[in-house]
N, C-alpha and C. Protein backbone atom coordinates (compact mmCIF):
# COMPACT_ATOMS: atom_id res chain seq x y z
N MET A 1 290.98 121.64 92.28
CA MET A 1 290.99 121.56 90.84
C MET A 1 289.76 120.83 90.33
N LYS A 2 289.47 121.01 89.09
CA LYS A 2 288.35 120.27 88.48
C LYS A 2 288.74 118.81 88.33
N LYS A 3 287.87 117.91 88.72
CA LYS A 3 288.12 116.49 88.59
C LYS A 3 287.41 115.97 87.34
N PHE A 4 288.16 115.37 86.45
CA PHE A 4 287.57 114.83 85.24
C PHE A 4 287.15 113.40 85.52
N ASP A 5 285.83 113.21 85.67
CA ASP A 5 285.33 111.91 86.07
C ASP A 5 285.08 111.08 84.83
N ILE A 6 286.15 110.46 84.30
CA ILE A 6 286.05 109.72 83.05
C ILE A 6 286.74 108.39 83.15
N SER A 7 286.11 107.33 82.60
CA SER A 7 286.64 105.99 82.79
C SER A 7 287.17 105.33 81.53
N MET A 8 286.91 105.92 80.36
CA MET A 8 287.22 105.23 79.13
C MET A 8 288.59 105.58 78.53
N LEU A 9 289.38 106.38 79.21
CA LEU A 9 290.63 106.82 78.61
C LEU A 9 291.59 105.66 78.36
N THR A 10 291.78 104.79 79.37
CA THR A 10 292.70 103.67 79.18
C THR A 10 292.18 102.72 78.12
N VAL A 11 290.85 102.57 78.05
CA VAL A 11 290.26 101.73 76.99
C VAL A 11 290.56 102.30 75.63
N ALA A 12 290.43 103.62 75.48
CA ALA A 12 290.69 104.28 74.21
C ALA A 12 292.15 104.07 73.81
N ILE A 13 293.05 104.24 74.75
CA ILE A 13 294.47 104.06 74.47
C ILE A 13 294.75 102.60 74.08
N LEU A 14 294.13 101.68 74.82
CA LEU A 14 294.35 100.28 74.56
C LEU A 14 293.85 99.88 73.19
N VAL A 15 292.62 100.29 72.87
CA VAL A 15 292.03 99.90 71.59
C VAL A 15 292.74 100.56 70.42
N THR A 16 292.94 101.87 70.50
CA THR A 16 293.53 102.57 69.37
C THR A 16 295.01 102.37 69.27
N GLY A 17 295.68 102.28 70.42
CA GLY A 17 297.13 102.18 70.41
C GLY A 17 297.65 100.78 70.24
N LEU A 18 296.88 99.76 70.64
CA LEU A 18 297.34 98.39 70.57
C LEU A 18 296.55 97.56 69.57
N ALA A 19 295.25 97.41 69.82
CA ALA A 19 294.47 96.52 69.00
C ALA A 19 294.32 96.99 67.57
N VAL A 20 293.90 98.24 67.37
CA VAL A 20 293.68 98.75 66.02
C VAL A 20 294.97 98.78 65.23
N LEU A 21 296.01 99.36 65.83
CA LEU A 21 297.28 99.44 65.16
C LEU A 21 297.81 98.06 64.83
N GLY A 22 297.76 97.18 65.86
CA GLY A 22 298.27 95.83 65.65
C GLY A 22 297.51 95.08 64.59
N PHE A 23 296.19 95.26 64.56
CA PHE A 23 295.36 94.57 63.59
C PHE A 23 295.71 94.98 62.17
N TYR A 24 295.80 96.27 61.95
CA TYR A 24 296.09 96.72 60.60
C TYR A 24 297.52 96.42 60.17
N GLN A 25 298.45 96.41 61.12
CA GLN A 25 299.79 96.00 60.77
C GLN A 25 299.78 94.54 60.35
N SER A 26 299.01 93.74 61.10
CA SER A 26 298.89 92.31 60.76
C SER A 26 298.23 92.13 59.42
N TRP A 27 297.13 92.87 59.20
CA TRP A 27 296.41 92.78 57.94
C TRP A 27 297.30 93.15 56.76
N ALA A 28 298.10 94.19 56.94
CA ALA A 28 298.95 94.65 55.86
C ALA A 28 299.99 93.59 55.50
N LYS A 29 300.39 92.83 56.49
CA LYS A 29 301.39 91.80 56.23
C LYS A 29 300.75 90.49 55.75
N GLY A 30 299.43 90.44 55.76
CA GLY A 30 298.74 89.26 55.27
C GLY A 30 298.79 88.11 56.23
N ASN A 31 298.94 88.35 57.54
CA ASN A 31 298.96 87.23 58.49
C ASN A 31 298.19 87.62 59.72
N ASP A 32 298.04 86.66 60.60
CA ASP A 32 297.31 86.85 61.86
C ASP A 32 298.08 86.16 62.97
N PRO A 33 299.04 86.86 63.58
CA PRO A 33 299.91 86.22 64.55
C PRO A 33 299.17 85.70 65.76
N VAL A 34 299.64 84.58 66.26
CA VAL A 34 299.12 83.97 67.48
C VAL A 34 299.70 84.71 68.66
N LEU A 35 298.80 85.20 69.54
CA LEU A 35 299.23 85.95 70.72
C LEU A 35 299.40 85.04 71.95
N VAL A 36 298.50 84.05 72.04
CA VAL A 36 298.51 83.17 73.19
C VAL A 36 298.13 81.76 72.71
N THR A 37 298.79 80.77 73.29
CA THR A 37 298.40 79.38 73.08
C THR A 37 297.95 78.81 74.40
N ALA A 38 296.69 78.35 74.44
CA ALA A 38 296.14 77.76 75.65
C ALA A 38 295.78 76.33 75.36
N GLY A 39 296.66 75.40 75.73
CA GLY A 39 296.46 73.99 75.41
C GLY A 39 296.48 73.81 73.91
N ASP A 40 295.38 73.31 73.37
CA ASP A 40 295.32 73.10 71.92
C ASP A 40 294.62 74.26 71.20
N THR A 41 294.43 75.37 71.90
CA THR A 41 293.73 76.53 71.31
C THR A 41 294.68 77.70 71.14
N SER A 42 294.62 78.32 69.97
CA SER A 42 295.44 79.50 69.71
C SER A 42 294.55 80.72 69.62
N ILE A 43 294.99 81.79 70.27
CA ILE A 43 294.25 83.05 70.22
C ILE A 43 295.06 84.04 69.40
N THR A 44 294.45 84.50 68.32
CA THR A 44 295.18 85.35 67.37
C THR A 44 294.92 86.83 67.61
N GLN A 45 295.69 87.63 66.94
CA GLN A 45 295.57 89.08 67.05
C GLN A 45 294.23 89.55 66.52
N ASN A 46 293.76 88.95 65.42
CA ASN A 46 292.47 89.33 64.88
C ASN A 46 291.32 88.98 65.82
N GLN A 47 291.45 87.87 66.55
CA GLN A 47 290.44 87.51 67.53
C GLN A 47 290.39 88.54 68.64
N LEU A 48 291.55 88.95 69.11
CA LEU A 48 291.60 89.98 70.15
C LEU A 48 290.96 91.25 69.68
N TYR A 49 291.29 91.69 68.47
CA TYR A 49 290.70 92.92 67.95
C TYR A 49 289.19 92.80 67.87
N GLY A 50 288.71 91.64 67.35
CA GLY A 50 287.27 91.45 67.20
C GLY A 50 286.54 91.54 68.52
N GLU A 51 287.07 90.92 69.56
CA GLU A 51 286.43 90.94 70.87
C GLU A 51 286.47 92.36 71.48
N MET A 52 287.60 93.04 71.32
CA MET A 52 287.71 94.40 71.84
C MET A 52 286.78 95.36 71.11
N LYS A 53 286.63 95.14 69.83
CA LYS A 53 285.72 95.96 69.05
C LYS A 53 284.30 95.80 69.53
N LYS A 54 283.90 94.56 69.80
CA LYS A 54 282.52 94.31 70.28
C LYS A 54 282.29 94.91 71.65
N THR A 55 283.31 94.82 72.51
CA THR A 55 283.15 95.26 73.88
C THR A 55 283.31 96.76 74.04
N TYR A 56 284.35 97.33 73.41
CA TYR A 56 284.71 98.71 73.63
C TYR A 56 284.62 99.61 72.38
N GLY A 57 284.43 98.95 71.23
CA GLY A 57 284.57 99.69 69.97
C GLY A 57 283.64 100.87 69.81
N LYS A 58 282.34 100.70 70.14
CA LYS A 58 281.37 101.76 69.92
C LYS A 58 281.70 102.98 70.77
N GLN A 59 281.96 102.77 72.06
CA GLN A 59 282.27 103.88 72.94
C GLN A 59 283.56 104.57 72.50
N THR A 60 284.55 103.76 72.14
CA THR A 60 285.85 104.32 71.79
C THR A 60 285.80 105.16 70.51
N ILE A 61 285.10 104.65 69.49
CA ILE A 61 285.08 105.38 68.23
C ILE A 61 284.27 106.66 68.40
N HIS A 62 283.26 106.67 69.25
CA HIS A 62 282.52 107.91 69.50
C HIS A 62 283.40 108.92 70.21
N GLU A 63 284.28 108.44 71.09
CA GLU A 63 285.22 109.34 71.74
C GLU A 63 286.19 109.94 70.74
N LEU A 64 286.65 109.11 69.81
CA LEU A 64 287.58 109.61 68.79
C LEU A 64 286.90 110.62 67.87
N VAL A 65 285.64 110.35 67.53
CA VAL A 65 284.89 111.32 66.71
C VAL A 65 284.71 112.63 67.46
N ALA A 66 284.36 112.53 68.75
CA ALA A 66 284.15 113.73 69.54
C ALA A 66 285.45 114.54 69.62
N GLU A 67 286.56 113.86 69.82
CA GLU A 67 287.86 114.55 69.86
C GLU A 67 288.16 115.28 68.56
N ALA A 68 287.88 114.61 67.45
CA ALA A 68 288.13 115.23 66.14
C ALA A 68 287.24 116.47 65.94
N LEU A 69 285.97 116.36 66.34
CA LEU A 69 285.05 117.47 66.18
C LEU A 69 285.43 118.65 67.06
N ILE A 70 285.84 118.36 68.29
CA ILE A 70 286.26 119.42 69.21
C ILE A 70 287.44 120.18 68.63
N LYS A 71 288.42 119.46 68.10
CA LYS A 71 289.59 120.11 67.53
C LYS A 71 289.23 120.96 66.31
N GLN A 72 288.34 120.45 65.48
CA GLN A 72 287.95 121.22 64.29
C GLN A 72 287.15 122.45 64.65
N GLU A 73 286.25 122.33 65.63
CA GLU A 73 285.45 123.46 66.03
C GLU A 73 286.31 124.51 66.76
N ALA A 74 287.27 124.06 67.53
CA ALA A 74 288.17 124.99 68.22
C ALA A 74 288.99 125.79 67.19
N LYS A 75 289.42 125.12 66.13
CA LYS A 75 290.15 125.80 65.08
C LYS A 75 289.26 126.83 64.37
N ALA A 76 288.02 126.44 64.11
CA ALA A 76 287.08 127.32 63.43
C ALA A 76 286.76 128.56 64.27
N GLN A 77 286.72 128.40 65.59
CA GLN A 77 286.38 129.51 66.47
C GLN A 77 287.61 130.18 67.09
N ASN A 78 288.79 129.69 66.71
CA ASN A 78 290.04 130.26 67.25
C ASN A 78 290.07 130.17 68.78
N VAL A 79 289.69 129.01 69.29
CA VAL A 79 289.70 128.76 70.73
C VAL A 79 290.85 127.82 71.05
N ALA A 80 291.65 128.17 72.06
CA ALA A 80 292.79 127.33 72.41
C ALA A 80 293.05 127.39 73.91
N VAL A 81 293.66 126.32 74.42
CA VAL A 81 294.07 126.26 75.83
C VAL A 81 295.49 126.81 75.90
N THR A 82 295.73 127.74 76.80
CA THR A 82 297.08 128.29 76.93
C THR A 82 297.98 127.35 77.69
N GLN A 83 299.27 127.49 77.46
CA GLN A 83 300.23 126.66 78.15
C GLN A 83 300.17 126.93 79.67
N GLU A 84 299.89 128.16 80.03
CA GLU A 84 299.76 128.52 81.44
C GLU A 84 298.61 127.76 82.10
N ASP A 85 297.46 127.74 81.44
CA ASP A 85 296.31 127.02 81.98
C ASP A 85 296.61 125.53 82.10
N MET A 86 297.27 124.98 81.09
CA MET A 86 297.61 123.56 81.10
C MET A 86 298.55 123.25 82.27
N ASN A 87 299.57 124.09 82.46
CA ASN A 87 300.53 123.85 83.54
C ASN A 87 299.84 123.94 84.91
N LYS A 88 298.91 124.86 85.03
CA LYS A 88 298.16 124.99 86.29
C LYS A 88 297.38 123.69 86.59
N GLU A 89 296.78 123.13 85.56
CA GLU A 89 296.00 121.91 85.73
C GLU A 89 296.92 120.75 86.13
N ILE A 90 298.04 120.62 85.47
CA ILE A 90 298.99 119.55 85.78
C ILE A 90 299.56 119.74 87.18
N ASP A 91 299.90 120.97 87.52
CA ASP A 91 300.43 121.25 88.87
C ASP A 91 299.42 120.92 89.95
N SER A 92 298.16 121.22 89.68
CA SER A 92 297.11 120.90 90.64
C SER A 92 296.98 119.38 90.84
N MET A 93 297.09 118.64 89.75
CA MET A 93 297.01 117.19 89.84
C MET A 93 298.19 116.64 90.65
N LYS A 94 299.38 117.21 90.42
CA LYS A 94 300.55 116.76 91.15
C LYS A 94 300.41 117.04 92.65
N LYS A 95 299.87 118.19 92.99
CA LYS A 95 299.65 118.54 94.39
C LYS A 95 298.59 117.62 95.02
N GLN A 96 297.58 117.28 94.22
CA GLN A 96 296.51 116.46 94.75
C GLN A 96 296.99 115.07 95.12
N VAL A 97 297.87 114.49 94.32
CA VAL A 97 298.35 113.14 94.64
C VAL A 97 299.45 113.16 95.67
N GLY A 98 300.06 114.31 95.94
CA GLY A 98 300.95 114.43 97.07
C GLY A 98 302.43 114.57 96.77
N SER A 99 302.90 113.99 95.65
CA SER A 99 304.33 114.06 95.34
C SER A 99 304.56 113.73 93.88
N PRO A 100 305.70 114.16 93.32
CA PRO A 100 306.01 113.81 91.93
C PRO A 100 306.03 112.31 91.69
N GLU A 101 306.51 111.57 92.67
CA GLU A 101 306.56 110.11 92.53
C GLU A 101 305.15 109.52 92.46
N ALA A 102 304.28 110.03 93.33
CA ALA A 102 302.88 109.55 93.33
C ALA A 102 302.20 109.90 92.03
N PHE A 103 302.52 111.04 91.47
CA PHE A 103 301.92 111.46 90.19
C PHE A 103 302.36 110.51 89.08
N GLN A 104 303.64 110.16 89.07
CA GLN A 104 304.14 109.23 88.06
C GLN A 104 303.50 107.85 88.22
N ASN A 105 303.26 107.45 89.46
CA ASN A 105 302.59 106.17 89.70
C ASN A 105 301.14 106.21 89.19
N TYR A 106 300.52 107.37 89.37
CA TYR A 106 299.15 107.56 88.85
C TYR A 106 299.14 107.42 87.32
N LEU A 107 300.13 108.03 86.67
CA LEU A 107 300.21 107.95 85.22
C LEU A 107 300.42 106.49 84.78
N LYS A 108 301.27 105.76 85.51
CA LYS A 108 301.52 104.37 85.18
C LYS A 108 300.24 103.54 85.34
N SER A 109 299.48 103.84 86.40
CA SER A 109 298.25 103.10 86.62
C SER A 109 297.25 103.33 85.50
N MET A 110 297.35 104.51 84.86
CA MET A 110 296.47 104.82 83.74
C MET A 110 297.04 104.36 82.41
N GLY A 111 298.28 103.84 82.43
CA GLY A 111 298.91 103.37 81.20
C GLY A 111 299.24 104.50 80.24
N MET A 112 299.70 105.65 80.78
CA MET A 112 299.99 106.80 79.93
C MET A 112 301.18 107.56 80.42
N THR A 113 301.70 108.39 79.55
CA THR A 113 302.80 109.29 79.88
C THR A 113 302.23 110.68 80.18
N GLU A 114 303.05 111.56 80.71
CA GLU A 114 302.59 112.92 80.97
C GLU A 114 302.23 113.64 79.67
N ALA A 115 302.97 113.33 78.62
CA ALA A 115 302.65 113.94 77.31
C ALA A 115 301.27 113.52 76.83
N GLN A 116 300.94 112.25 77.03
CA GLN A 116 299.61 111.76 76.62
C GLN A 116 298.51 112.40 77.52
N LEU A 117 298.82 112.55 78.80
CA LEU A 117 297.87 113.20 79.68
C LEU A 117 297.63 114.63 79.25
N ARG A 118 298.66 115.35 78.88
CA ARG A 118 298.51 116.72 78.43
C ARG A 118 297.67 116.79 77.16
N ASP A 119 297.86 115.83 76.26
CA ASP A 119 297.08 115.79 75.03
C ASP A 119 295.60 115.62 75.33
N LYS A 120 295.28 114.69 76.26
CA LYS A 120 293.88 114.44 76.61
C LYS A 120 293.28 115.61 77.36
N LEU A 121 294.06 116.18 78.29
CA LEU A 121 293.58 117.36 79.00
C LEU A 121 293.31 118.51 78.06
N ASN A 122 294.15 118.66 77.06
CA ASN A 122 293.97 119.75 76.09
C ASN A 122 292.63 119.64 75.40
N VAL A 123 292.25 118.41 75.03
CA VAL A 123 290.97 118.20 74.38
C VAL A 123 289.84 118.52 75.34
N LEU A 124 289.92 118.03 76.59
CA LEU A 124 288.86 118.27 77.54
C LEU A 124 288.70 119.73 77.92
N MET A 125 289.84 120.41 78.11
CA MET A 125 289.78 121.83 78.46
C MET A 125 289.29 122.67 77.27
N THR A 126 289.66 122.26 76.06
CA THR A 126 289.16 122.95 74.85
C THR A 126 287.66 122.74 74.73
N ARG A 127 287.22 121.51 74.95
CA ARG A 127 285.78 121.22 74.94
C ARG A 127 285.03 122.13 75.89
N ASP A 128 285.55 122.26 77.12
CA ASP A 128 284.87 123.09 78.12
C ASP A 128 284.86 124.57 77.71
N LYS A 129 285.94 125.04 77.12
CA LYS A 129 285.96 126.42 76.63
C LYS A 129 284.87 126.65 75.59
N LEU A 130 284.73 125.71 74.68
CA LEU A 130 283.72 125.83 73.62
C LEU A 130 282.32 125.79 74.21
N LEU A 131 282.10 124.88 75.16
CA LEU A 131 280.76 124.79 75.78
C LEU A 131 280.44 126.04 76.58
N ASP A 132 281.42 126.57 77.30
CA ASP A 132 281.19 127.78 78.08
C ASP A 132 280.91 128.98 77.17
N LYS A 133 281.50 128.97 76.00
CA LYS A 133 281.26 130.04 75.04
C LYS A 133 279.84 129.91 74.45
N ALA A 134 279.42 128.66 74.21
CA ALA A 134 278.10 128.43 73.59
C ALA A 134 276.96 128.55 74.62
N PHE A 135 277.27 128.18 75.88
CA PHE A 135 276.22 128.20 76.91
C PHE A 135 276.77 128.91 78.15
N PRO A 136 276.95 130.21 78.08
CA PRO A 136 277.52 130.95 79.22
C PRO A 136 276.55 131.06 80.38
N VAL A 137 277.10 131.09 81.59
CA VAL A 137 276.29 131.32 82.79
C VAL A 137 276.15 132.83 82.97
N THR A 138 274.92 133.31 83.10
CA THR A 138 274.66 134.75 83.20
C THR A 138 274.60 135.17 84.66
N GLU A 139 274.77 136.47 84.89
CA GLU A 139 274.65 137.05 86.21
C GLU A 139 273.24 136.80 86.78
N GLU A 140 272.24 136.90 85.90
CA GLU A 140 270.87 136.67 86.31
C GLU A 140 270.65 135.25 86.79
N GLN A 141 271.26 134.28 86.12
CA GLN A 141 271.13 132.86 86.53
C GLN A 141 271.74 132.65 87.92
N ILE A 142 272.91 133.25 88.12
CA ILE A 142 273.60 133.10 89.41
C ILE A 142 272.73 133.69 90.53
N LYS A 143 272.20 134.89 90.30
CA LYS A 143 271.39 135.57 91.31
C LYS A 143 270.08 134.79 91.57
N THR A 144 269.48 134.27 90.52
CA THR A 144 268.25 133.49 90.68
C THR A 144 268.51 132.24 91.51
N TYR A 145 269.63 131.58 91.25
CA TYR A 145 269.97 130.39 92.01
C TYR A 145 270.17 130.75 93.49
N TYR A 146 270.87 131.86 93.73
CA TYR A 146 271.12 132.29 95.09
C TYR A 146 269.81 132.58 95.84
N ASP A 147 268.94 133.32 95.21
CA ASP A 147 267.67 133.68 95.85
C ASP A 147 266.80 132.45 96.11
N THR A 148 266.82 131.50 95.16
CA THR A 148 265.97 130.30 95.28
C THR A 148 266.48 129.35 96.34
N ASN A 149 267.81 129.27 96.49
CA ASN A 149 268.41 128.27 97.36
C ASN A 149 269.08 128.86 98.60
N LYS A 150 268.75 130.10 98.91
CA LYS A 150 269.39 130.81 100.02
C LYS A 150 269.26 130.04 101.32
N ALA A 151 268.09 129.46 101.56
CA ALA A 151 267.86 128.76 102.81
C ALA A 151 268.77 127.54 102.98
N GLN A 152 269.20 126.94 101.85
CA GLN A 152 270.04 125.76 101.91
C GLN A 152 271.54 126.12 101.99
N LEU A 153 271.87 127.38 101.87
CA LEU A 153 273.27 127.79 101.86
C LEU A 153 273.83 128.05 103.25
N GLY A 154 273.00 128.04 104.25
CA GLY A 154 273.46 128.26 105.61
C GLY A 154 272.51 129.13 106.39
N SER A 155 272.73 129.17 107.69
CA SER A 155 271.88 130.00 108.56
C SER A 155 272.77 130.74 109.55
N PRO A 156 272.92 132.05 109.38
CA PRO A 156 272.30 132.84 108.29
C PRO A 156 272.97 132.57 106.94
N ALA A 157 272.27 132.84 105.86
CA ALA A 157 272.79 132.61 104.53
C ALA A 157 273.97 133.53 104.27
N PRO A 158 275.03 133.04 103.61
CA PRO A 158 276.18 133.91 103.30
C PRO A 158 275.78 135.00 102.32
N GLU A 159 276.53 136.08 102.34
CA GLU A 159 276.27 137.17 101.41
C GLU A 159 276.50 136.69 99.97
N PHE A 160 275.75 137.28 99.06
CA PHE A 160 275.80 136.85 97.64
C PHE A 160 277.22 136.89 97.09
N ASP A 161 277.94 137.97 97.33
CA ASP A 161 279.28 138.12 96.77
C ASP A 161 280.24 137.04 97.27
N LYS A 162 279.98 136.49 98.45
CA LYS A 162 280.89 135.48 99.00
C LYS A 162 280.70 134.10 98.37
N VAL A 163 279.54 133.87 97.81
CA VAL A 163 279.27 132.54 97.23
C VAL A 163 279.03 132.62 95.70
N LYS A 164 279.14 133.79 95.16
CA LYS A 164 278.88 134.00 93.75
C LYS A 164 279.74 133.12 92.86
N ASP A 165 281.05 133.09 93.12
CA ASP A 165 281.97 132.30 92.30
C ASP A 165 281.67 130.81 92.41
N GLN A 166 281.35 130.34 93.59
CA GLN A 166 281.04 128.93 93.78
C GLN A 166 279.78 128.55 93.01
N ILE A 167 278.76 129.43 93.09
CA ILE A 167 277.52 129.18 92.33
C ILE A 167 277.80 129.14 90.84
N LYS A 168 278.62 130.07 90.38
CA LYS A 168 278.92 130.11 88.95
C LYS A 168 279.61 128.84 88.50
N MET A 169 280.54 128.32 89.30
CA MET A 169 281.23 127.08 88.96
C MET A 169 280.23 125.92 88.89
N MET A 170 279.31 125.86 89.83
CA MET A 170 278.33 124.80 89.86
C MET A 170 277.41 124.88 88.65
N LEU A 171 276.96 126.08 88.32
CA LEU A 171 276.08 126.25 87.16
C LEU A 171 276.82 126.00 85.85
N THR A 172 278.10 126.33 85.82
CA THR A 172 278.91 126.07 84.62
C THR A 172 279.02 124.59 84.37
N ASP A 173 279.30 123.81 85.41
CA ASP A 173 279.35 122.34 85.26
C ASP A 173 278.01 121.79 84.83
N GLN A 174 276.95 122.37 85.39
CA GLN A 174 275.61 121.91 85.05
C GLN A 174 275.29 122.22 83.58
N ASN A 175 275.67 123.40 83.12
CA ASN A 175 275.46 123.76 81.71
C ASN A 175 276.20 122.80 80.79
N ARG A 176 277.46 122.51 81.13
CA ARG A 176 278.25 121.60 80.29
C ARG A 176 277.60 120.23 80.20
N SER A 177 277.18 119.70 81.35
CA SER A 177 276.60 118.37 81.38
C SER A 177 275.26 118.31 80.61
N GLN A 178 274.43 119.31 80.81
CA GLN A 178 273.11 119.30 80.19
C GLN A 178 273.14 119.52 78.68
N ASN A 179 274.12 120.26 78.22
CA ASN A 179 274.13 120.68 76.81
C ASN A 179 275.11 119.90 75.93
N TYR A 180 275.95 119.08 76.56
CA TYR A 180 277.02 118.44 75.78
C TYR A 180 276.50 117.58 74.64
N GLY A 181 275.53 116.71 74.95
CA GLY A 181 275.04 115.80 73.92
C GLY A 181 274.43 116.51 72.72
N THR A 182 273.58 117.49 72.97
CA THR A 182 272.97 118.25 71.88
C THR A 182 274.01 119.02 71.11
N TRP A 183 274.95 119.63 71.84
CA TRP A 183 276.03 120.39 71.19
C TRP A 183 276.85 119.51 70.28
N LEU A 184 277.19 118.31 70.74
CA LEU A 184 278.00 117.41 69.94
C LEU A 184 277.25 116.98 68.68
N ASN A 185 275.94 116.71 68.83
CA ASN A 185 275.15 116.35 67.66
C ASN A 185 275.14 117.48 66.63
N THR A 186 275.11 118.72 67.11
CA THR A 186 275.18 119.86 66.23
C THR A 186 276.50 119.90 65.46
N LEU A 187 277.59 119.58 66.19
CA LEU A 187 278.90 119.56 65.52
C LEU A 187 278.97 118.44 64.48
N GLN A 188 278.35 117.31 64.77
CA GLN A 188 278.35 116.21 63.80
C GLN A 188 277.67 116.62 62.50
N ASP A 189 276.57 117.37 62.63
CA ASP A 189 275.88 117.85 61.44
C ASP A 189 276.72 118.91 60.74
N LYS A 190 277.28 119.81 61.51
CA LYS A 190 278.06 120.90 60.93
C LYS A 190 279.28 120.41 60.16
N HIS A 191 279.98 119.45 60.74
CA HIS A 191 281.22 118.95 60.14
C HIS A 191 281.00 117.68 59.31
N LYS A 192 279.72 117.31 59.13
CA LYS A 192 279.33 116.25 58.21
C LYS A 192 280.02 114.91 58.52
N VAL A 193 279.69 114.38 59.69
CA VAL A 193 280.19 113.08 60.10
C VAL A 193 279.45 111.99 59.30
N GLU A 194 280.18 111.08 58.70
CA GLU A 194 279.58 109.98 57.95
C GLU A 194 280.05 108.67 58.56
N TRP A 195 279.11 107.79 58.92
CA TRP A 195 279.45 106.52 59.52
C TRP A 195 279.46 105.45 58.44
N ASN A 196 280.64 105.04 58.03
CA ASN A 196 280.75 104.01 56.99
C ASN A 196 280.38 102.63 57.54
N ASP A 197 280.54 102.45 58.83
CA ASP A 197 280.07 101.23 59.50
C ASP A 197 278.89 101.63 60.34
N SER A 198 277.69 101.32 59.90
CA SER A 198 276.46 101.81 60.54
C SER A 198 276.29 101.24 61.95
N SER A 199 276.99 100.16 62.30
CA SER A 199 276.86 99.61 63.62
C SER A 199 277.39 100.53 64.70
N PHE A 200 278.24 101.50 64.33
CA PHE A 200 278.80 102.45 65.25
C PHE A 200 277.93 103.70 65.43
N ASP A 201 276.97 103.90 64.52
CA ASP A 201 276.15 105.11 64.56
C ASP A 201 275.03 104.94 65.56
N ASP A 202 275.35 105.22 66.83
CA ASP A 202 274.39 105.03 67.91
C ASP A 202 274.25 106.34 68.68
N PRO A 203 273.13 107.06 68.52
CA PRO A 203 272.97 108.36 69.17
C PRO A 203 272.96 108.29 70.69
N SER A 204 272.80 107.10 71.26
CA SER A 204 272.79 106.97 72.71
C SER A 204 274.18 107.00 73.31
N VAL A 205 275.22 106.95 72.46
CA VAL A 205 276.60 106.99 72.92
C VAL A 205 277.15 108.37 72.66
N PRO A 206 277.28 109.24 73.66
CA PRO A 206 277.67 110.62 73.44
C PRO A 206 279.12 110.81 73.09
N GLY A 207 280.02 109.88 73.49
CA GLY A 207 281.41 110.01 73.14
C GLY A 207 282.15 111.05 73.94
N GLU A 208 281.83 111.23 75.20
CA GLU A 208 282.52 112.25 76.00
C GLU A 208 283.76 111.64 76.65
N GLU A 209 284.91 112.12 76.27
CA GLU A 209 286.17 111.61 76.86
C GLU A 209 286.33 112.09 78.29
N GLN A 210 287.02 111.25 79.04
CA GLN A 210 287.20 111.55 80.44
C GLN A 210 288.58 111.14 80.92
N ILE A 211 288.95 111.72 82.04
CA ILE A 211 290.19 111.34 82.70
C ILE A 211 289.87 111.15 84.18
N PRO A 212 290.11 109.96 84.74
CA PRO A 212 289.83 109.75 86.14
C PRO A 212 290.67 110.66 87.01
N ALA A 213 290.10 111.22 88.05
CA ALA A 213 290.85 112.05 88.98
C ALA A 213 291.84 111.18 89.75
N PRO A 214 293.04 111.72 90.03
CA PRO A 214 294.02 110.93 90.80
C PRO A 214 293.57 110.78 92.25
């Protein structure tokens, strides 16, 4: 199965699900509850939010923007992940970890439920569908790669038809990686992203969501 090499998912859940929500609930009530008392020092909810914002805020908000743009673009292009494809991905993950119990332990280690995993996978798989549509791998590219790298494929080199699918998968991943940042910037312009807090507007942060492989 495809391994989603992403490390910020738990951070995103933590920041958006705990700190942000908690902060605004606190703000709405006009108070700042103490979360921890260490000797004569009190650590409040607002302090926690402030520190998390400085440490994780920029990466997290770019991921949230990317997720919003992917969903809007998918709707505009009528691109969707089928339930069948989603189930195949989940089943592959379950087989990879070895057992249903191990899969549940993996989810717990990530601080998420299967429903949350499906939501995140849906965004990632939708993103990949959109990228593959925008930057498709051509037959000519596959053949060129085969001819150029034939010597590295084995001795004797395997027949083209036997490695064609593998080469296409490799070039597809390469296309996604190379074009993601530019593509996302195009979506920001298209859907008119406005940064009300300019400290978050950092073009060096691509905002690509990820899910660590089990």
